[in-house]
N, C-alpha and C. Protein backbone atom coordinates (compact mmCIF):
# COMPACT_ATOMS: atom_id res chain seq x y z
N PRO A 1 161.26 58.64 -61.28
CA PRO A 1 160.82 59.88 -61.93
C PRO A 1 161.84 61.00 -61.68
N VAL A 2 161.67 62.07 -62.42
CA VAL A 2 162.53 63.24 -62.26
C VAL A 2 161.65 64.44 -61.93
N ALA A 3 161.88 65.04 -60.77
CA ALA A 3 161.09 66.20 -60.33
C ALA A 3 161.74 67.48 -60.82
N ASN A 4 160.93 68.33 -61.39
CA ASN A 4 161.44 69.62 -61.85
C ASN A 4 160.26 70.59 -61.89
N PHE A 5 160.52 71.85 -61.51
CA PHE A 5 159.43 72.83 -61.58
C PHE A 5 159.96 74.23 -61.83
N THR A 6 159.10 75.07 -62.32
CA THR A 6 159.40 76.49 -62.53
C THR A 6 158.47 77.32 -61.66
N GLU A 7 158.84 78.59 -61.50
CA GLU A 7 158.04 79.50 -60.67
C GLU A 7 157.97 80.86 -61.34
N SER A 8 156.90 81.59 -61.08
CA SER A 8 156.68 82.87 -61.75
C SER A 8 157.55 83.99 -61.19
N ALA A 9 158.08 83.81 -59.97
CA ALA A 9 158.92 84.84 -59.36
C ALA A 9 159.79 84.21 -58.29
N HIS A 10 161.01 84.72 -58.15
CA HIS A 10 161.92 84.21 -57.12
C HIS A 10 161.83 85.03 -55.84
N THR A 11 161.61 86.32 -56.00
CA THR A 11 161.50 87.23 -54.85
C THR A 11 160.19 87.99 -54.96
N VAL A 12 159.40 87.97 -53.89
CA VAL A 12 158.09 88.62 -53.89
C VAL A 12 157.88 89.33 -52.56
N PHE A 13 156.84 90.16 -52.53
CA PHE A 13 156.39 90.76 -51.28
C PHE A 13 155.28 89.91 -50.68
N THR A 14 155.07 90.05 -49.40
CA THR A 14 153.97 89.34 -48.77
C THR A 14 152.66 89.70 -49.47
N GLY A 15 151.79 88.71 -49.58
CA GLY A 15 150.49 88.95 -50.21
C GLY A 15 150.49 88.81 -51.72
N GLU A 16 151.65 88.56 -52.33
CA GLU A 16 151.73 88.38 -53.78
C GLU A 16 151.68 86.90 -54.14
N ASN A 17 150.89 86.57 -55.16
CA ASN A 17 150.76 85.19 -55.60
C ASN A 17 151.98 84.74 -56.41
N ILE A 18 152.37 83.49 -56.20
CA ILE A 18 153.44 82.87 -56.99
C ILE A 18 152.85 81.63 -57.67
N ASP A 19 153.10 81.48 -58.95
CA ASP A 19 152.65 80.30 -59.69
C ASP A 19 153.78 79.29 -59.79
N PHE A 20 153.47 78.03 -59.46
CA PHE A 20 154.43 76.93 -59.56
C PHE A 20 153.94 75.93 -60.61
N ASP A 21 154.86 75.47 -61.45
CA ASP A 21 154.50 74.59 -62.56
C ASP A 21 155.47 73.41 -62.62
N ALA A 22 154.93 72.20 -62.41
CA ALA A 22 155.75 70.99 -62.40
C ALA A 22 155.60 70.17 -63.69
N SER A 23 155.11 70.80 -64.74
CA SER A 23 154.85 70.05 -65.98
C SER A 23 156.13 69.57 -66.66
N GLU A 24 157.29 70.09 -66.26
CA GLU A 24 158.56 69.61 -66.83
C GLU A 24 159.08 68.35 -66.12
N SER A 25 158.41 67.96 -65.05
CA SER A 25 158.78 66.69 -64.40
C SER A 25 158.38 65.53 -65.32
N TYR A 26 159.08 64.40 -65.20
CA TYR A 26 158.76 63.28 -66.09
C TYR A 26 159.21 61.95 -65.46
N ASP A 27 158.71 60.88 -66.02
CA ASP A 27 159.10 59.54 -65.60
C ASP A 27 159.58 58.78 -66.84
N PRO A 28 160.85 58.43 -66.92
CA PRO A 28 161.40 57.83 -68.14
C PRO A 28 160.83 56.45 -68.48
N ASP A 29 160.23 55.77 -67.52
CA ASP A 29 159.73 54.43 -67.82
C ASP A 29 158.30 54.22 -67.33
N GLY A 30 157.59 55.31 -67.18
CA GLY A 30 156.21 55.19 -66.73
C GLY A 30 155.52 56.53 -66.67
N THR A 31 154.68 56.69 -65.64
CA THR A 31 153.86 57.90 -65.52
C THR A 31 153.94 58.45 -64.11
N ILE A 32 154.00 59.75 -63.99
CA ILE A 32 153.91 60.39 -62.67
C ILE A 32 152.44 60.44 -62.29
N VAL A 33 152.13 59.93 -61.13
CA VAL A 33 150.73 59.85 -60.71
C VAL A 33 150.38 60.85 -59.61
N GLU A 34 151.41 61.46 -59.00
CA GLU A 34 151.11 62.40 -57.91
C GLU A 34 152.20 63.47 -57.82
N TYR A 35 151.72 64.71 -57.58
CA TYR A 35 152.62 65.87 -57.41
C TYR A 35 152.30 66.48 -56.04
N LEU A 36 153.27 66.47 -55.16
CA LEU A 36 153.07 66.98 -53.80
C LEU A 36 153.95 68.21 -53.58
N TRP A 37 153.32 69.28 -53.08
CA TRP A 37 154.04 70.55 -52.84
C TRP A 37 154.08 70.86 -51.34
N ASP A 38 155.23 71.31 -50.90
CA ASP A 38 155.39 71.83 -49.53
C ASP A 38 156.02 73.22 -49.67
N PHE A 39 155.29 74.25 -49.22
CA PHE A 39 155.73 75.64 -49.44
C PHE A 39 156.65 76.16 -48.33
N GLY A 40 156.89 75.35 -47.32
CA GLY A 40 157.85 75.74 -46.29
C GLY A 40 157.29 76.63 -45.20
N ASP A 41 155.99 76.93 -45.29
CA ASP A 41 155.36 77.78 -44.26
C ASP A 41 154.21 77.05 -43.57
N GLY A 42 154.22 75.72 -43.68
CA GLY A 42 153.16 74.93 -43.08
C GLY A 42 152.01 74.63 -44.02
N ASN A 43 152.07 75.17 -45.24
CA ASN A 43 151.01 74.94 -46.22
C ASN A 43 151.49 73.98 -47.30
N THR A 44 150.56 73.15 -47.79
CA THR A 44 150.87 72.17 -48.84
C THR A 44 149.81 72.23 -49.92
N ALA A 45 150.09 71.55 -51.04
CA ALA A 45 149.13 71.48 -52.14
C ALA A 45 149.47 70.28 -53.01
N THR A 46 148.55 69.91 -53.89
CA THR A 46 148.79 68.83 -54.84
C THR A 46 148.40 69.30 -56.24
N GLY A 47 149.01 68.69 -57.26
CA GLY A 47 148.67 69.03 -58.63
C GLY A 47 149.90 69.44 -59.42
N VAL A 48 149.75 69.42 -60.74
CA VAL A 48 150.86 69.79 -61.62
C VAL A 48 151.15 71.29 -61.51
N LYS A 49 150.09 72.09 -61.49
CA LYS A 49 150.23 73.55 -61.41
C LYS A 49 149.48 74.05 -60.17
N VAL A 50 150.17 74.82 -59.35
CA VAL A 50 149.57 75.38 -58.13
C VAL A 50 150.04 76.82 -57.97
N ASP A 51 149.39 77.54 -57.08
CA ASP A 51 149.86 78.89 -56.72
C ASP A 51 149.82 79.03 -55.21
N HIS A 52 150.60 79.97 -54.72
CA HIS A 52 150.67 80.16 -53.27
C HIS A 52 151.02 81.60 -52.95
N MET A 53 150.53 82.06 -51.79
CA MET A 53 150.79 83.42 -51.31
C MET A 53 151.31 83.33 -49.88
N TYR A 54 152.41 84.00 -49.63
CA TYR A 54 153.01 84.01 -48.28
C TYR A 54 152.51 85.22 -47.50
N GLU A 55 152.18 84.99 -46.25
CA GLU A 55 151.66 86.07 -45.40
C GLU A 55 152.75 86.78 -44.61
N ASP A 56 153.85 86.09 -44.34
CA ASP A 56 154.93 86.68 -43.53
C ASP A 56 156.23 86.72 -44.33
N ASP A 57 157.01 87.77 -44.08
CA ASP A 57 158.29 87.88 -44.77
C ASP A 57 159.30 86.92 -44.15
N SER A 58 160.02 86.23 -45.00
CA SER A 58 161.06 85.30 -44.55
C SER A 58 161.67 84.66 -45.80
N ILE A 59 162.56 83.69 -45.59
CA ILE A 59 163.10 82.89 -46.68
C ILE A 59 162.54 81.47 -46.53
N TYR A 60 161.89 80.99 -47.57
CA TYR A 60 161.21 79.69 -47.52
C TYR A 60 161.81 78.72 -48.54
N THR A 61 161.80 77.45 -48.19
CA THR A 61 162.21 76.40 -49.12
C THR A 61 160.97 75.68 -49.63
N VAL A 62 160.76 75.74 -50.94
CA VAL A 62 159.64 75.06 -51.58
C VAL A 62 160.12 73.69 -52.07
N THR A 63 159.36 72.66 -51.75
CA THR A 63 159.74 71.29 -52.14
C THR A 63 158.63 70.65 -52.97
N LEU A 64 159.01 70.14 -54.13
CA LEU A 64 158.10 69.35 -54.97
C LEU A 64 158.54 67.89 -54.90
N THR A 65 157.59 67.02 -54.58
CA THR A 65 157.85 65.57 -54.60
C THR A 65 156.91 64.92 -55.61
N VAL A 66 157.48 64.18 -56.53
CA VAL A 66 156.66 63.46 -57.53
C VAL A 66 156.74 61.96 -57.26
N ILE A 67 155.63 61.28 -57.52
CA ILE A 67 155.54 59.83 -57.31
C ILE A 67 155.08 59.20 -58.63
N ASP A 68 155.78 58.16 -59.07
CA ASP A 68 155.37 57.52 -60.33
C ASP A 68 154.47 56.33 -60.07
N ASP A 69 154.09 55.67 -61.14
CA ASP A 69 153.13 54.57 -61.06
C ASP A 69 153.71 53.31 -60.42
N ASN A 70 154.98 53.33 -60.13
CA ASN A 70 155.60 52.20 -59.41
C ASN A 70 155.91 52.55 -57.95
N GLY A 71 155.50 53.78 -57.53
CA GLY A 71 155.72 54.20 -56.15
C GLY A 71 157.07 54.84 -55.91
N ALA A 72 157.86 54.98 -56.95
CA ALA A 72 159.16 55.65 -56.80
C ALA A 72 158.96 57.15 -56.69
N THR A 73 159.88 57.82 -56.01
CA THR A 73 159.74 59.27 -55.77
C THR A 73 161.01 60.02 -56.14
N ASP A 74 160.83 61.31 -56.34
CA ASP A 74 161.96 62.22 -56.52
C ASP A 74 161.50 63.60 -56.05
N SER A 75 162.45 64.39 -55.59
CA SER A 75 162.12 65.73 -55.07
C SER A 75 163.00 66.80 -55.70
N ALA A 76 162.45 68.00 -55.77
CA ALA A 76 163.19 69.18 -56.22
C ALA A 76 162.85 70.33 -55.28
N THR A 77 163.81 71.20 -55.03
CA THR A 77 163.58 72.31 -54.11
C THR A 77 164.00 73.64 -54.74
N ALA A 78 163.45 74.70 -54.18
CA ALA A 78 163.82 76.07 -54.58
C ALA A 78 163.62 76.98 -53.38
N THR A 79 164.43 78.01 -53.30
CA THR A 79 164.33 78.97 -52.20
C THR A 79 163.54 80.19 -52.63
N LYS A 80 162.61 80.61 -51.77
CA LYS A 80 161.79 81.79 -52.04
C LYS A 80 162.11 82.86 -51.01
N THR A 81 162.36 84.07 -51.48
CA THR A 81 162.57 85.22 -50.59
C THR A 81 161.32 86.07 -50.60
N VAL A 82 160.71 86.21 -49.44
CA VAL A 82 159.48 86.99 -49.31
C VAL A 82 159.79 88.24 -48.50
N LEU A 83 159.54 89.39 -49.08
CA LEU A 83 159.90 90.67 -48.46
C LEU A 83 158.73 91.28 -47.70
N ASN A 84 159.08 92.03 -46.67
CA ASN A 84 158.08 92.74 -45.88
C ASN A 84 157.53 93.95 -46.64
N ARG A 85 156.25 94.20 -46.45
CA ARG A 85 155.64 95.42 -47.00
C ARG A 85 155.73 96.54 -45.96
N GLN A 86 156.01 97.73 -46.42
CA GLN A 86 156.09 98.87 -45.50
C GLN A 86 154.71 99.23 -44.96
N PRO A 87 154.66 99.75 -43.74
CA PRO A 87 153.38 100.25 -43.23
C PRO A 87 152.99 101.53 -43.96
N VAL A 88 151.77 101.95 -43.75
CA VAL A 88 151.25 103.18 -44.36
C VAL A 88 150.91 104.15 -43.24
N ALA A 89 151.52 105.35 -43.27
CA ALA A 89 151.30 106.37 -42.24
C ALA A 89 150.24 107.35 -42.71
N LEU A 90 149.19 107.49 -41.93
CA LEU A 90 148.10 108.43 -42.22
C LEU A 90 147.66 109.07 -40.91
N PHE A 91 147.33 110.36 -40.95
CA PHE A 91 146.77 110.98 -39.75
C PHE A 91 145.87 112.15 -40.12
N THR A 92 144.98 112.45 -39.19
CA THR A 92 144.08 113.59 -39.32
C THR A 92 144.31 114.54 -38.16
N GLU A 93 143.83 115.76 -38.31
CA GLU A 93 143.93 116.76 -37.24
C GLU A 93 142.63 117.55 -37.22
N ASN A 94 142.22 117.97 -36.04
CA ASN A 94 140.94 118.65 -35.94
C ASN A 94 141.00 120.11 -36.36
N ALA A 95 142.20 120.63 -36.67
CA ALA A 95 142.35 122.00 -37.18
C ALA A 95 143.73 122.13 -37.81
N THR A 96 143.81 122.93 -38.89
CA THR A 96 145.11 123.18 -39.52
C THR A 96 145.59 124.60 -39.28
N THR A 97 144.67 125.48 -38.88
CA THR A 97 145.03 126.86 -38.53
C THR A 97 144.46 127.17 -37.16
N VAL A 98 145.31 127.53 -36.22
CA VAL A 98 144.88 127.78 -34.85
C VAL A 98 145.61 128.99 -34.30
N SER A 99 145.14 129.45 -33.16
CA SER A 99 145.84 130.51 -32.45
C SER A 99 146.80 129.87 -31.45
N SER A 100 147.79 130.63 -31.02
CA SER A 100 148.76 130.10 -30.06
C SER A 100 148.04 129.68 -28.78
N ALA A 101 148.54 128.61 -28.17
CA ALA A 101 148.00 128.02 -26.95
C ALA A 101 146.72 127.23 -27.18
N GLU A 102 146.25 127.16 -28.42
CA GLU A 102 145.05 126.37 -28.73
C GLU A 102 145.48 124.94 -29.07
N ALA A 103 144.95 123.96 -28.35
CA ALA A 103 145.37 122.57 -28.53
C ALA A 103 144.79 121.97 -29.81
N ILE A 104 145.60 121.15 -30.47
CA ILE A 104 145.19 120.43 -31.67
C ILE A 104 145.25 118.94 -31.37
N ARG A 105 144.23 118.20 -31.82
CA ARG A 105 144.22 116.75 -31.66
C ARG A 105 144.68 116.09 -32.96
N PHE A 106 145.74 115.29 -32.88
CA PHE A 106 146.26 114.53 -34.01
C PHE A 106 145.91 113.06 -33.83
N ASP A 107 145.42 112.42 -34.89
CA ASP A 107 144.91 111.06 -34.80
C ASP A 107 145.48 110.20 -35.94
N ALA A 108 146.24 109.17 -35.58
CA ALA A 108 146.88 108.30 -36.58
C ALA A 108 146.20 106.94 -36.67
N SER A 109 144.96 106.84 -36.23
CA SER A 109 144.29 105.54 -36.21
C SER A 109 144.01 104.97 -37.59
N GLU A 110 144.11 105.80 -38.64
CA GLU A 110 143.90 105.29 -40.00
C GLU A 110 145.18 104.68 -40.59
N SER A 111 146.29 104.79 -39.90
CA SER A 111 147.52 104.14 -40.37
C SER A 111 147.36 102.62 -40.27
N TYR A 112 148.07 101.90 -41.13
CA TYR A 112 147.94 100.44 -41.12
C TYR A 112 149.20 99.77 -41.68
N ASP A 113 149.31 98.48 -41.40
CA ASP A 113 150.40 97.66 -41.95
C ASP A 113 149.76 96.52 -42.74
N PRO A 114 150.00 96.43 -44.05
CA PRO A 114 149.30 95.43 -44.87
C PRO A 114 149.66 93.99 -44.54
N ASP A 115 150.79 93.75 -43.87
CA ASP A 115 151.17 92.36 -43.58
C ASP A 115 151.62 92.16 -42.14
N GLY A 116 151.14 93.00 -41.26
CA GLY A 116 151.53 92.86 -39.87
C GLY A 116 150.84 93.87 -38.98
N THR A 117 151.60 94.42 -38.04
CA THR A 117 151.03 95.33 -37.04
C THR A 117 151.95 96.53 -36.85
N ILE A 118 151.35 97.70 -36.69
CA ILE A 118 152.13 98.88 -36.32
C ILE A 118 152.38 98.84 -34.82
N VAL A 119 153.63 98.94 -34.44
CA VAL A 119 153.99 98.81 -33.03
C VAL A 119 154.41 100.14 -32.40
N GLU A 120 154.63 101.17 -33.23
CA GLU A 120 155.06 102.45 -32.66
C GLU A 120 154.58 103.62 -33.53
N TYR A 121 154.07 104.64 -32.83
CA TYR A 121 153.65 105.89 -33.47
C TYR A 121 154.46 107.02 -32.85
N SER A 122 155.24 107.73 -33.66
CA SER A 122 156.07 108.82 -33.15
C SER A 122 155.70 110.13 -33.83
N TRP A 123 155.51 111.18 -33.01
CA TRP A 123 155.11 112.49 -33.52
C TRP A 123 156.23 113.51 -33.33
N ASP A 124 156.45 114.34 -34.34
CA ASP A 124 157.35 115.49 -34.23
C ASP A 124 156.54 116.71 -34.66
N PHE A 125 156.31 117.64 -33.74
CA PHE A 125 155.42 118.77 -34.01
C PHE A 125 156.11 119.96 -34.67
N GLY A 126 157.40 119.84 -34.93
CA GLY A 126 158.10 120.90 -35.65
C GLY A 126 158.55 122.06 -34.79
N ASP A 127 158.32 121.97 -33.49
CA ASP A 127 158.74 123.04 -32.58
C ASP A 127 159.61 122.47 -31.45
N ARG A 128 160.31 121.37 -31.76
CA ARG A 128 161.19 120.66 -30.83
C ARG A 128 160.43 119.86 -29.79
N ASN A 129 159.14 119.72 -29.96
CA ASN A 129 158.34 118.89 -29.07
C ASN A 129 157.93 117.62 -29.81
N THR A 130 157.89 116.51 -29.08
CA THR A 130 157.54 115.22 -29.66
C THR A 130 156.54 114.50 -28.77
N ALA A 131 155.99 113.41 -29.31
CA ALA A 131 155.05 112.60 -28.54
C ALA A 131 154.99 111.22 -29.18
N THR A 132 154.38 110.27 -28.46
CA THR A 132 154.17 108.93 -28.99
C THR A 132 152.73 108.53 -28.72
N GLY A 133 152.25 107.57 -29.50
CA GLY A 133 150.89 107.08 -29.32
C GLY A 133 150.05 107.27 -30.57
N VAL A 134 148.93 106.56 -30.62
CA VAL A 134 148.03 106.65 -31.78
C VAL A 134 147.47 108.06 -31.91
N THR A 135 147.12 108.68 -30.79
CA THR A 135 146.63 110.06 -30.80
C THR A 135 147.54 110.93 -29.94
N ALA A 136 147.56 112.21 -30.24
CA ALA A 136 148.38 113.15 -29.47
C ALA A 136 147.74 114.53 -29.53
N ASP A 137 147.82 115.27 -28.43
CA ASP A 137 147.35 116.65 -28.36
C ASP A 137 148.57 117.57 -28.22
N HIS A 138 148.51 118.71 -28.92
CA HIS A 138 149.63 119.64 -28.83
C HIS A 138 149.15 121.07 -29.04
N ALA A 139 149.75 121.99 -28.28
CA ALA A 139 149.47 123.43 -28.42
C ALA A 139 150.79 124.15 -28.66
N TYR A 140 150.79 125.06 -29.61
CA TYR A 140 151.99 125.83 -29.94
C TYR A 140 152.02 127.14 -29.15
N SER A 141 153.19 127.52 -28.69
CA SER A 141 153.32 128.73 -27.88
C SER A 141 153.62 129.97 -28.72
N GLU A 142 154.06 129.78 -29.96
CA GLU A 142 154.42 130.91 -30.80
C GLU A 142 153.79 130.78 -32.18
N ASP A 143 153.55 131.95 -32.80
CA ASP A 143 153.01 131.96 -34.16
C ASP A 143 154.03 131.38 -35.14
N GLY A 144 153.54 130.86 -36.26
CA GLY A 144 154.43 130.34 -37.29
C GLY A 144 153.80 129.20 -38.05
N ASN A 145 154.51 128.72 -39.07
CA ASN A 145 154.10 127.55 -39.84
C ASN A 145 154.95 126.36 -39.39
N TYR A 146 154.29 125.30 -38.96
CA TYR A 146 155.00 124.15 -38.41
C TYR A 146 154.69 122.90 -39.23
N THR A 147 155.73 122.09 -39.48
CA THR A 147 155.55 120.82 -40.17
C THR A 147 155.43 119.71 -39.14
N VAL A 148 154.27 119.07 -39.12
CA VAL A 148 154.03 117.96 -38.20
C VAL A 148 154.37 116.66 -38.93
N THR A 149 155.19 115.82 -38.29
CA THR A 149 155.64 114.57 -38.92
C THR A 149 155.22 113.38 -38.06
N LEU A 150 154.54 112.44 -38.69
CA LEU A 150 154.19 111.17 -38.04
C LEU A 150 155.06 110.07 -38.64
N THR A 151 155.71 109.29 -37.77
CA THR A 151 156.49 108.14 -38.20
C THR A 151 155.91 106.89 -37.55
N VAL A 152 155.53 105.91 -38.37
CA VAL A 152 155.01 104.65 -37.83
C VAL A 152 156.02 103.54 -38.11
N THR A 153 156.11 102.60 -37.18
CA THR A 153 157.04 101.47 -37.29
C THR A 153 156.26 100.18 -37.13
N ASP A 154 156.49 99.21 -38.06
CA ASP A 154 155.75 97.96 -37.97
C ASP A 154 156.53 96.90 -37.19
N ASP A 155 155.95 95.71 -37.07
CA ASP A 155 156.55 94.65 -36.26
C ASP A 155 157.80 94.05 -36.88
N ASP A 156 158.14 94.45 -38.11
CA ASP A 156 159.39 94.01 -38.73
C ASP A 156 160.43 95.11 -38.78
N GLY A 157 160.12 96.26 -38.16
CA GLY A 157 161.08 97.36 -38.11
C GLY A 157 161.01 98.32 -39.27
N ALA A 158 160.11 98.08 -40.24
CA ALA A 158 159.96 99.00 -41.37
C ALA A 158 159.20 100.25 -40.92
N THR A 159 159.51 101.38 -41.55
CA THR A 159 158.90 102.65 -41.15
C THR A 159 158.24 103.34 -42.33
N ALA A 160 157.34 104.25 -42.02
CA ALA A 160 156.71 105.11 -43.03
C ALA A 160 156.44 106.46 -42.38
N ILE A 161 156.42 107.51 -43.20
CA ILE A 161 156.29 108.88 -42.69
C ILE A 161 155.15 109.60 -43.41
N SER A 162 154.44 110.44 -42.65
CA SER A 162 153.43 111.33 -43.22
C SER A 162 153.59 112.70 -42.58
N THR A 163 153.42 113.77 -43.36
CA THR A 163 153.59 115.13 -42.84
C THR A 163 152.39 116.00 -43.15
N SER A 164 152.27 117.08 -42.40
CA SER A 164 151.22 118.07 -42.62
C SER A 164 151.69 119.40 -42.05
N THR A 165 151.18 120.50 -42.60
CA THR A 165 151.56 121.83 -42.13
C THR A 165 150.46 122.41 -41.25
N THR A 166 150.87 122.91 -40.09
CA THR A 166 149.95 123.58 -39.17
C THR A 166 150.33 125.05 -39.07
N ILE A 167 149.34 125.92 -39.22
CA ILE A 167 149.57 127.37 -39.16
C ILE A 167 149.08 127.90 -37.82
N VAL A 168 149.97 128.57 -37.11
CA VAL A 168 149.62 129.17 -35.82
C VAL A 168 149.74 130.68 -35.97
N GLU A 169 148.66 131.39 -35.70
CA GLU A 169 148.66 132.84 -35.85
C GLU A 169 147.88 133.50 -34.74
N THR A 170 148.18 134.79 -34.50
CA THR A 170 147.48 135.54 -33.47
C THR A 170 146.04 135.72 -33.88
N GLU A 171 145.15 135.40 -32.96
CA GLU A 171 143.73 135.50 -33.27
C GLU A 171 143.29 136.96 -33.23
N VAL A 172 142.67 137.42 -34.28
CA VAL A 172 142.15 138.78 -34.36
C VAL A 172 140.64 138.73 -34.21
N GLN A 173 140.14 139.36 -33.19
CA GLN A 173 138.71 139.37 -32.95
C GLN A 173 138.06 140.47 -33.78
N MET A 174 137.83 140.15 -35.05
CA MET A 174 137.28 141.14 -35.97
C MET A 174 135.90 141.61 -35.54
N ASN A 175 135.12 140.68 -35.04
CA ASN A 175 133.76 141.05 -34.63
C ASN A 175 133.79 142.04 -33.48
N SER A 176 134.72 141.81 -32.54
CA SER A 176 134.82 142.71 -31.40
C SER A 176 135.29 144.09 -31.83
N VAL A 177 136.29 144.12 -32.71
CA VAL A 177 136.79 145.40 -33.20
C VAL A 177 135.70 146.15 -33.93
N PHE A 178 134.98 145.41 -34.77
CA PHE A 178 133.89 146.03 -35.53
C PHE A 178 132.82 146.56 -34.58
N SER A 179 132.48 145.78 -33.56
CA SER A 179 131.45 146.20 -32.62
C SER A 179 131.86 147.46 -31.86
N LEU A 180 133.12 147.54 -31.42
CA LEU A 180 133.59 148.72 -30.71
C LEU A 180 133.56 149.95 -31.59
N ALA A 181 133.96 149.78 -32.85
CA ALA A 181 133.95 150.92 -33.78
C ALA A 181 132.53 151.42 -34.01
N MET A 182 131.62 150.47 -34.22
CA MET A 182 130.22 150.86 -34.44
C MET A 182 129.64 151.53 -33.21
N LEU A 183 129.99 151.00 -32.03
CA LEU A 183 129.48 151.58 -30.79
C LEU A 183 129.96 153.02 -30.63
N SER A 184 131.23 153.25 -30.98
CA SER A 184 131.77 154.61 -30.89
C SER A 184 131.03 155.56 -31.82
N VAL A 185 130.76 155.12 -33.03
CA VAL A 185 130.03 155.96 -33.99
C VAL A 185 128.63 156.26 -33.49
N ILE A 186 127.97 155.23 -32.94
CA ILE A 186 126.61 155.43 -32.44
C ILE A 186 126.60 156.42 -31.28
N VAL A 187 127.57 156.26 -30.36
CA VAL A 187 127.64 157.17 -29.21
C VAL A 187 127.86 158.61 -29.68
N LEU A 188 128.76 158.81 -30.63
CA LEU A 188 129.01 160.15 -31.16
C LEU A 188 127.77 160.72 -31.83
N ALA A 189 127.07 159.86 -32.58
CA ALA A 189 125.86 160.33 -33.27
C ALA A 189 124.79 160.75 -32.28
N ILE A 190 124.62 159.93 -31.23
CA ILE A 190 123.62 160.27 -30.22
C ILE A 190 123.99 161.55 -29.49
N THR A 191 125.29 161.69 -29.19
CA THR A 191 125.76 162.90 -28.51
C THR A 191 125.50 164.14 -29.36
N ALA A 192 125.83 164.04 -30.66
CA ALA A 192 125.61 165.18 -31.56
C ALA A 192 124.14 165.50 -31.69
N LEU A 193 123.31 164.47 -31.80
CA LEU A 193 121.86 164.69 -31.94
C LEU A 193 121.29 165.33 -30.68
N THR A 194 121.76 164.85 -29.54
CA THR A 194 121.28 165.42 -28.27
C THR A 194 121.67 166.88 -28.15
N ALA A 195 122.92 167.19 -28.52
CA ALA A 195 123.37 168.58 -28.46
C ALA A 195 122.56 169.46 -29.39
N THR A 196 122.25 168.95 -30.58
CA THR A 196 121.46 169.72 -31.55
C THR A 196 120.06 169.99 -31.03
N LEU A 197 119.44 168.99 -30.45
CA LEU A 197 118.08 169.14 -29.91
C LEU A 197 118.07 170.13 -28.74
N LEU A 198 119.08 170.01 -27.89
CA LEU A 198 119.14 170.93 -26.75
C LEU A 198 119.34 172.37 -27.22
N TYR A 199 120.17 172.55 -28.23
CA TYR A 199 120.40 173.90 -28.76
C TYR A 199 119.14 174.45 -29.40
N ALA A 200 118.45 173.58 -30.15
CA ALA A 200 117.20 174.04 -30.79
C ALA A 200 116.17 174.41 -29.74
N LEU A 201 116.09 173.64 -28.66
CA LEU A 201 115.15 173.93 -27.59
C LEU A 201 115.52 175.24 -26.90
N TYR A 202 116.81 175.47 -26.71
CA TYR A 202 117.27 176.71 -26.09
C TYR A 202 116.90 177.92 -26.94
N VAL A 203 117.14 177.82 -28.24
CA VAL A 203 116.81 178.94 -29.15
C VAL A 203 115.32 179.21 -29.14
N ARG A 204 114.52 178.17 -29.15
CA ARG A 204 113.06 178.34 -29.18
C ARG A 204 112.57 179.03 -27.91
N ARG A 205 113.08 178.65 -26.76
CA ARG A 205 112.65 179.28 -25.51
C ARG A 205 113.07 180.75 -25.46
N LYS A 206 114.27 181.02 -26.00
CA LYS A 206 114.75 182.40 -26.00
C LYS A 206 113.86 183.29 -26.85
N LYS A 207 113.41 182.76 -27.99
CA LYS A 207 112.51 183.54 -28.85
C LYS A 207 111.19 183.83 -28.15
N LYS A 208 110.68 182.84 -27.42
CA LYS A 208 109.42 183.04 -26.71
C LYS A 208 109.55 184.14 -25.66
N LYS A 209 110.66 184.15 -24.95
CA LYS A 209 110.86 185.18 -23.94
C LYS A 209 110.95 186.56 -24.56
N THR A 210 111.62 186.64 -25.72
CA THR A 210 111.75 187.92 -26.40
C THR A 210 110.39 188.42 -26.85
N THR A 211 109.54 187.55 -27.34
CA THR A 211 108.19 187.92 -27.79
C THR A 211 107.35 188.38 -26.62
C-alpha cells in the first residue's frame, strides 16, 4: 500500500484541533484495511479521518501507518509545530484613589495560563518600588498619579502585562472643616444673643430705678 495524508494546519497553538485525512492513501493491488496514527505525544488513533489537539508546545512527528488486506504496510510522516499560548495578566486593587501612606492591596490571583502555569508575578508600582508574588501591598509616600504594572511569566518563559492607574492625593477632611466653621458661627451667634439679652436686661433695670 501507499500511505499518504493531509492535515488542516502545519503550525498551531496548544489547544487547537488539527484534522488529519488519510483518504489519499491507496493499495494498487488490494484494499487498505487499517489506518494507524501516532501523534508523537503518546496519543494514537485509528481511522481514515481523525483529529487531535496538543496540550504542550513542542515539535511533534505525526506518523500514519496503513495495512492492506495482505498484511503489507507503509508509513508516512509529517512534522507539527505547536506553539505556546501567552499567559493572561489580570489584577484587582482594593482602591484606586488613596491618600499618601495609605496601603493598597493588589491581587493577581485572576491571572492564568491557558496551557500551563504562571511561575512568576512581578509588580512595578510606578514610584521605583517593586514586589513579587500573587498579592502585594504598597503605600505611596507622595501625591501623584502612578501607573501600576503587573508582569506574569509562564512555565515556558512567555510573559503578559497588565496596567492600572492609582491616584494618590492629600486627604481633605471636609466634614471636619465644615464642622469647625459651623461651630464658629454657632459660638458667635450665642455670644451675640447673650450680649443682646444682657444689654436688654441692663436697660430694663435702669428704667425701673429711674421710675
